[in-house]
Amino acid sequence: MRVSTGQIKQLLELDGSRENVGNAMQVFLRDLQQRGEKNSDPKKNLYKGKKHLIDLDAAPFTPKGWEVEEHQNGGQFEWDVTKVNLYQQNGKVIQGYKLREELQTKNPFNANLLDFLLAHPNLIPKGWKGNYVYFWGTIYRGRGDNLCVRSLFWGGGQWRWNWLYLEGVWDGVSPAAVPAS
């Protein structure tokens, strides 16, 4: 399946409202079906069997009013859930600055993986629900000059991102996404 430059431009020119984006996606999916795609449900099978390369060296998304304090490059990463571990603190509560030091030797994934997963929620393992999965490879300086790290979580019926200041504490439902060994 190929998407033309014209189709991409049309999507980018939308005003971003849910209605316009939703309508554009319906037209796009209907177009796929009319082209004779073999998938009976294109929403379900759109990514099945496809390789997904994530540029972990690219500049990360930076929320308005924030700055990137540190961004650990990770090269080109081909998404495969078996290549990702959720590092837990074994039920202990730990302060963010101490956890940051502990994670340095584990090469945690950066926020580019978080943003990729938000863009492709069907690839997020169901087992991650109930956790706030943190991406410690990107540290931000948020409002009030505080350091923070972003996370992925399930809430309100969809995957979202959140953050926690490093002054805060992490517990057993706050794992870090790190490469599988």
C-alpha atoms as a PDB file:
ATOM      1  CA  MET A   1       0.000   0.000   0.000  1.00  0.00           C
ATOM      2  CA  ARG A   2       1.324   3.427  -0.911  1.00  0.00           C
ATOM      3  CA  VAL A   3       0.042   6.812   0.149  1.00  0.00           C
ATOM      4  CA  SER A   4       0.531   9.603  -2.352  1.00  0.00           C
ATOM      5  CA  THR A   5       2.133  12.934  -1.535  1.00  0.00           C
ATOM      6  CA  GLY A   6      -1.216  14.550  -2.374  1.00  0.00           C
ATOM      7  CA  GLN A   7      -3.008  12.414   0.215  1.00  0.00           C
ATOM      8  CA  ILE A   8      -0.455  13.349   2.872  1.00  0.00           C
ATOM      9  CA  LYS A   9      -0.810  17.042   2.016  1.00  0.00           C
ATOM     10  CA  GLN A  10      -4.603  16.764   2.290  1.00  0.00           C
ATOM     11  CA  LEU A  11      -4.347  15.226   5.763  1.00  0.00           C
ATOM     12  CA  LEU A  12      -1.844  17.873   6.884  1.00  0.00           C
ATOM     13  CA  GLU A  13      -4.098  20.684   5.674  1.00  0.00           C
ATOM     14  CA  LEU A  14      -6.995  19.572   7.894  1.00  0.00           C
ATOM     15  CA  ASP A  15      -7.760  21.877  10.773  1.00  0.00           C
ATOM     16  CA  GLY A  16      -7.112  19.011  13.187  1.00  0.00           C
ATOM     17  CA  SER A  17     -10.634  18.655  14.520  1.00  0.00           C
ATOM     18  CA  ARG A  18     -11.621  15.099  15.468  1.00  0.00           C
ATOM     19  CA  GLU A  19     -14.462  15.213  12.969  1.00  0.00           C
ATOM     20  CA  ASN A  20     -12.224  16.178  10.033  1.00  0.00           C
ATOM     21  CA  VAL A  21      -9.476  13.707  10.918  1.00  0.00           C
ATOM     22  CA  GLY A  22     -12.051  10.953  11.529  1.00  0.00           C
ATOM     23  CA  ASN A  23     -13.731  11.650   8.191  1.00  0.00           C
ATOM     24  CA  ALA A  24     -10.373  11.621   6.415  1.00  0.00           C
ATOM     25  CA  MET A  25      -9.498   8.262   7.984  1.00  0.00           C
ATOM     26  CA  GLN A  26     -12.847   6.780   6.938  1.00  0.00           C
ATOM     27  CA  VAL A  27     -12.265   7.909   3.356  1.00  0.00           C
ATOM     28  CA  PHE A  28      -8.725   6.534   3.467  1.00  0.00           C
ATOM     29  CA  LEU A  29      -9.903   3.135   4.806  1.00  0.00           C
ATOM     30  CA  ARG A  30     -12.753   2.965   2.283  1.00  0.00           C
ATOM     31  CA  ASP A  31     -10.239   3.735  -0.481  1.00  0.00           C
ATOM     32  CA  LEU A  32      -8.088   0.824   0.715  1.00  0.00           C
ATOM     33  CA  GLN A  33     -11.050  -1.540   0.551  1.00  0.00           C
ATOM     34  CA  GLN A  34     -12.019  -0.344  -2.925  1.00  0.00           C
ATOM     35  CA  ARG A  35      -8.474  -0.973  -4.158  1.00  0.00           C
ATOM     36  CA  GLY A  36      -8.985  -4.623  -3.347  1.00  0.00           C
ATOM     37  CA  GLU A  37      -6.972  -4.914  -0.149  1.00  0.00           C
ATOM     38  CA  LYS A  38      -7.294  -8.477   1.114  1.00  0.00           C
ATOM     39  CA  ASN A  39      -7.915  -7.407   4.713  1.00  0.00           C
ATOM     40  CA  SER A  40     -11.567  -7.713   5.636  1.00  0.00           C
ATOM     41  CA  ASP A  41     -11.147  -5.177   8.440  1.00  0.00           C
ATOM     42  CA  PRO A  42      -8.452  -2.668   7.478  1.00  0.00           C
ATOM     43  CA  LYS A  43      -8.551  -0.982  10.900  1.00  0.00           C
ATOM     44  CA  LYS A  44      -7.517  -4.258  12.520  1.00  0.00           C
ATOM     45  CA  ASN A  45      -4.981  -5.450   9.972  1.00  0.00           C
ATOM     46  CA  LEU A  46      -3.456  -2.218   8.702  1.00  0.00           C
ATOM     47  CA  TYR A  47      -0.125  -2.840  10.466  1.00  0.00           C
ATOM     48  CA  LYS A  48      -0.106  -6.634  10.543  1.00  0.00           C
ATOM     49  CA  GLY A  49       3.099  -8.067   9.107  1.00  0.00           C
ATOM     50  CA  LYS A  50       4.621  -4.659   8.443  1.00  0.00           C
ATOM     51  CA  LYS A  51       7.962  -3.568   9.790  1.00  0.00           C
ATOM     52  CA  HIS A  52       8.028  -0.390  11.816  1.00  0.00           C
ATOM     53  CA  LEU A  53      11.287   1.505  12.059  1.00  0.00           C
ATOM     54  CA  ILE A  54      11.524   4.199  14.731  1.00  0.00           C
ATOM     55  CA  ASP A  55      14.232   6.853  14.556  1.00  0.00           C
ATOM     56  CA  LEU A  56      15.376   7.081  18.156  1.00  0.00           C
ATOM     57  CA  ASP A  57      18.026   9.621  17.101  1.00  0.00           C
ATOM     58  CA  ALA A  58      15.492  12.211  15.913  1.00  0.00           C
ATOM     59  CA  ALA A  59      14.704  15.255  18.015  1.00  0.00           C
ATOM     60  CA  PRO A  60      11.812  14.317  20.334  1.00  0.00           C
ATOM     61  CA  PHE A  61       8.419  15.963  20.530  1.00  0.00           C
ATOM     62  CA  THR A  62       8.673  18.798  23.034  1.00  0.00           C
ATOM     63  CA  PRO A  63       5.482  19.971  24.737  1.00  0.00           C
ATOM     64  CA  LYS A  64       4.810  23.709  24.646  1.00  0.00           C
ATOM     65  CA  GLY A  65       6.720  25.538  27.362  1.00  0.00           C
ATOM     66  CA  TRP A  66       9.155  22.634  27.912  1.00  0.00           C
ATOM     67  CA  GLU A  67      12.765  22.061  26.855  1.00  0.00           C
ATOM     68  CA  VAL A  68      14.700  18.865  26.261  1.00  0.00           C
ATOM     69  CA  GLU A  69      17.244  18.502  29.060  1.00  0.00           C
ATOM     70  CA  GLU A  70      18.686  15.184  27.867  1.00  0.00           C
ATOM     71  CA  HIS A  71      17.912  12.889  24.929  1.00  0.00           C
ATOM     72  CA  GLN A  72      19.749   9.581  24.624  1.00  0.00           C
ATOM     73  CA  ASN A  73      19.988   8.543  20.996  1.00  0.00           C
ATOM     74  CA  GLY A  74      19.100   4.957  20.235  1.00  0.00           C
ATOM     75  CA  GLY A  75      19.612   4.579  16.486  1.00  0.00           C
ATOM     76  CA  GLN A  76      17.025   2.936  14.248  1.00  0.00           C
ATOM     77  CA  PHE A  77      14.789   0.596  16.223  1.00  0.00           C
ATOM     78  CA  GLU A  78      12.517  -1.930  14.545  1.00  0.00           C
ATOM     79  CA  TRP A  79       9.409  -2.312  16.703  1.00  0.00           C
ATOM     80  CA  ASP A  80       9.094  -5.749  18.211  1.00  0.00           C
ATOM     81  CA  VAL A  81       7.460  -6.034  21.617  1.00  0.00           C
ATOM     82  CA  THR A  82       9.836  -8.887  22.518  1.00  0.00           C
ATOM     83  CA  LYS A  83      12.708  -6.386  22.317  1.00  0.00           C
ATOM     84  CA  VAL A  84      11.205  -4.265  25.106  1.00  0.00           C
ATOM     85  CA  ASN A  85      11.227  -5.052  28.819  1.00  0.00           C
ATOM     86  CA  LEU A  86       9.348  -3.178  31.490  1.00  0.00           C
ATOM     87  CA  TYR A  87      11.890  -2.616  34.236  1.00  0.00           C
ATOM     88  CA  GLN A  88      10.193  -2.659  37.634  1.00  0.00           C
ATOM     89  CA  GLN A  89      11.588  -1.453  40.920  1.00  0.00           C
ATOM     90  CA  ASN A  90      10.447  -4.716  42.595  1.00  0.00           C
ATOM     91  CA  GLY A  91       7.586  -3.022  44.420  1.00  0.00           C
ATOM     92  CA  LYS A  92       9.802  -0.484  46.165  1.00  0.00           C
ATOM     93  CA  VAL A  93       9.115   3.211  46.101  1.00  0.00           C
ATOM     94  CA  ILE A  94      12.034   5.243  44.765  1.00  0.00           C
ATOM     95  CA  GLN A  95      12.648   8.932  44.216  1.00  0.00           C
ATOM     96  CA  GLY A  96      12.948   9.987  40.555  1.00  0.00           C
ATOM     97  CA  TYR A  97      16.529  11.275  40.698  1.00  0.00           C
ATOM     98  CA  LYS A  98      17.735   7.984  42.235  1.00  0.00           C
ATOM     99  CA  LEU A  99      15.814   5.930  39.686  1.00  0.00           C
ATOM    100  CA  ARG A 100      17.360   7.999  36.887  1.00  0.00           C
ATOM    101  CA  GLU A 101      20.840   7.027  38.139  1.00  0.00           C
ATOM    102  CA  GLU A 102      19.811   3.371  38.448  1.00  0.00           C
ATOM    103  CA  LEU A 103      18.485   3.318  34.870  1.00  0.00           C
ATOM    104  CA  GLN A 104      21.595   4.806  33.231  1.00  0.00           C
ATOM    105  CA  THR A 105      23.172   1.366  32.793  1.00  0.00           C
ATOM    106  CA  LYS A 106      19.961  -0.054  31.275  1.00  0.00           C
ATOM    107  CA  ASN A 107      19.823   2.329  28.251  1.00  0.00           C
ATOM    108  CA  PRO A 108      16.123   3.191  28.607  1.00  0.00           C
ATOM    109  CA  PHE A 109      14.094   3.956  25.504  1.00  0.00           C
ATOM    110  CA  ASN A 110      13.471   7.608  24.725  1.00  0.00           C
ATOM    111  CA  ALA A 111      10.259   9.534  24.091  1.00  0.00           C
ATOM    112  CA  ASN A 112      10.387   8.848  20.342  1.00  0.00           C
ATOM    113  CA  LEU A 113       9.222   5.296  21.071  1.00  0.00           C
ATOM    114  CA  LEU A 114       6.439   6.685  23.273  1.00  0.00           C
ATOM    115  CA  ASP A 115       5.229   8.960  20.481  1.00  0.00           C
ATOM    116  CA  PHE A 116       5.449   6.145  17.916  1.00  0.00           C
ATOM    117  CA  LEU A 117       3.260   3.961  20.123  1.00  0.00           C
ATOM    118  CA  LEU A 118       0.736   6.755  20.621  1.00  0.00           C
ATOM    119  CA  ALA A 119       0.530   7.043  16.824  1.00  0.00           C
ATOM    120  CA  HIS A 120       0.121   3.241  16.513  1.00  0.00           C
ATOM    121  CA  PRO A 121      -1.923   2.233  19.569  1.00  0.00           C
ATOM    122  CA  ASN A 122      -2.849  -1.145  18.075  1.00  0.00           C
ATOM    123  CA  LEU A 123       0.808  -2.169  18.567  1.00  0.00           C
ATOM    124  CA  ILE A 124       0.806  -1.499  22.324  1.00  0.00           C
ATOM    125  CA  PRO A 125       0.653  -4.736  24.321  1.00  0.00           C
ATOM    126  CA  LYS A 126      -2.609  -5.164  26.242  1.00  0.00           C
ATOM    127  CA  GLY A 127      -0.522  -6.183  29.263  1.00  0.00           C
ATOM    128  CA  TRP A 128       0.728  -2.620  29.574  1.00  0.00           C
ATOM    129  CA  LYS A 129      -2.721  -1.412  30.645  1.00  0.00           C
ATOM    130  CA  GLY A 130      -2.752  -0.533  34.327  1.00  0.00           C
ATOM    131  CA  ASN A 131       0.830   0.765  34.201  1.00  0.00           C
ATOM    132  CA  TYR A 132       2.390   4.124  33.570  1.00  0.00           C
ATOM    133  CA  VAL A 133       5.280   3.123  31.268  1.00  0.00           C
ATOM    134  CA  TYR A 134       8.066   5.716  31.450  1.00  0.00           C
ATOM    135  CA  PHE A 135      10.568   6.566  28.710  1.00  0.00           C
ATOM    136  CA  TRP A 136      13.628   7.693  30.654  1.00  0.00           C
ATOM    137  CA  GLY A 137      15.822   8.167  27.567  1.00  0.00           C
ATOM    138  CA  THR A 138      14.358  11.677  27.239  1.00  0.00           C
ATOM    139  CA  ILE A 139      14.366  14.033  30.210  1.00  0.00           C
ATOM    140  CA  TYR A 140      12.529  17.336  29.895  1.00  0.00           C
ATOM    141  CA  ARG A 141      12.700  20.590  31.780  1.00  0.00           C
ATOM    142  CA  GLY A 142       9.058  21.441  32.331  1.00  0.00           C
ATOM    143  CA  ARG A 143       7.275  24.443  33.681  1.00  0.00           C
ATOM    144  CA  GLY A 144       8.768  25.839  36.847  1.00  0.00           C
ATOM    145  CA  ASP A 145      12.210  24.651  35.690  1.00  0.00           C
ATOM    146  CA  ASN A 146      11.524  21.128  37.036  1.00  0.00           C
ATOM    147  CA  LEU A 147      12.926  18.011  35.387  1.00  0.00           C
ATOM    148  CA  CYS A 148      10.337  15.469  34.260  1.00  0.00           C
ATOM    149  CA  VAL A 149       9.903  12.296  32.235  1.00  0.00           C
ATOM    150  CA  ARG A 150       6.937  11.325  30.042  1.00  0.00           C
ATOM    151  CA  SER A 151       4.914   8.125  30.298  1.00  0.00           C
ATOM    152  CA  LEU A 152       2.380   6.109  28.347  1.00  0.00           C
ATOM    153  CA  PHE A 153      -0.842   5.053  30.076  1.00  0.00           C
ATOM    154  CA  TRP A 154      -4.368   3.841  29.350  1.00  0.00           C
ATOM    155  CA  GLY A 155      -7.077   6.243  30.474  1.00  0.00           C
ATOM    156  CA  GLY A 156     -10.466   7.429  29.283  1.00  0.00           C
ATOM    157  CA  GLY A 157     -10.698   4.547  26.825  1.00  0.00           C
ATOM    158  CA  GLN A 158      -7.501   5.373  24.947  1.00  0.00           C
ATOM    159  CA  TRP A 159      -3.717   5.487  25.221  1.00  0.00           C
ATOM    160  CA  ARG A 160      -2.365   8.832  26.434  1.00  0.00           C
ATOM    161  CA  TRP A 161       0.827  10.388  27.702  1.00  0.00           C
ATOM    162  CA  ASN A 162       1.503  11.971  31.064  1.00  0.00           C
ATOM    163  CA  TRP A 163       4.569  13.051  32.997  1.00  0.00           C
ATOM    164  CA  LEU A 164       6.031  13.027  36.468  1.00  0.00           C
ATOM    165  CA  TYR A 165       8.601  15.364  37.955  1.00  0.00           C
ATOM    166  CA  LEU A 166      11.836  13.746  39.071  1.00  0.00           C
ATOM    167  CA  GLU A 167      11.140  15.070  42.571  1.00  0.00           C
ATOM    168  CA  GLY A 168       8.248  12.589  42.624  1.00  0.00           C
ATOM    169  CA  VAL A 169       8.344   8.914  43.520  1.00  0.00           C
ATOM    170  CA  TRP A 170       7.950   5.828  41.336  1.00  0.00           C
ATOM    171  CA  ASP A 171       6.370   2.587  42.434  1.00  0.00           C
ATOM    172  CA  GLY A 172       5.516  -0.870  41.089  1.00  0.00           C
ATOM    173  CA  VAL A 173       3.039   0.434  38.487  1.00  0.00           C
ATOM    174  CA  SER A 174       5.582   2.831  37.020  1.00  0.00           C
ATOM    175  CA  PRO A 175       7.970   0.667  34.992  1.00  0.00           C
ATOM    176  CA  ALA A 176      10.618   1.970  32.621  1.00  0.00           C
ATOM    177  CA  ALA A 177      10.740   0.790  28.995  1.00  0.00           C
ATOM    178  CA  VAL A 178      14.227  -0.673  28.461  1.00  0.00           C
ATOM    179  CA  PRO A 179      15.755  -2.945  25.812  1.00  0.00           C
ATOM    180  CA  ALA A 180      15.361  -6.666  26.423  1.00  0.00           C
ATOM    181  CA  SER A 181      18.655  -8.305  27.250  1.00  0.00           C
END
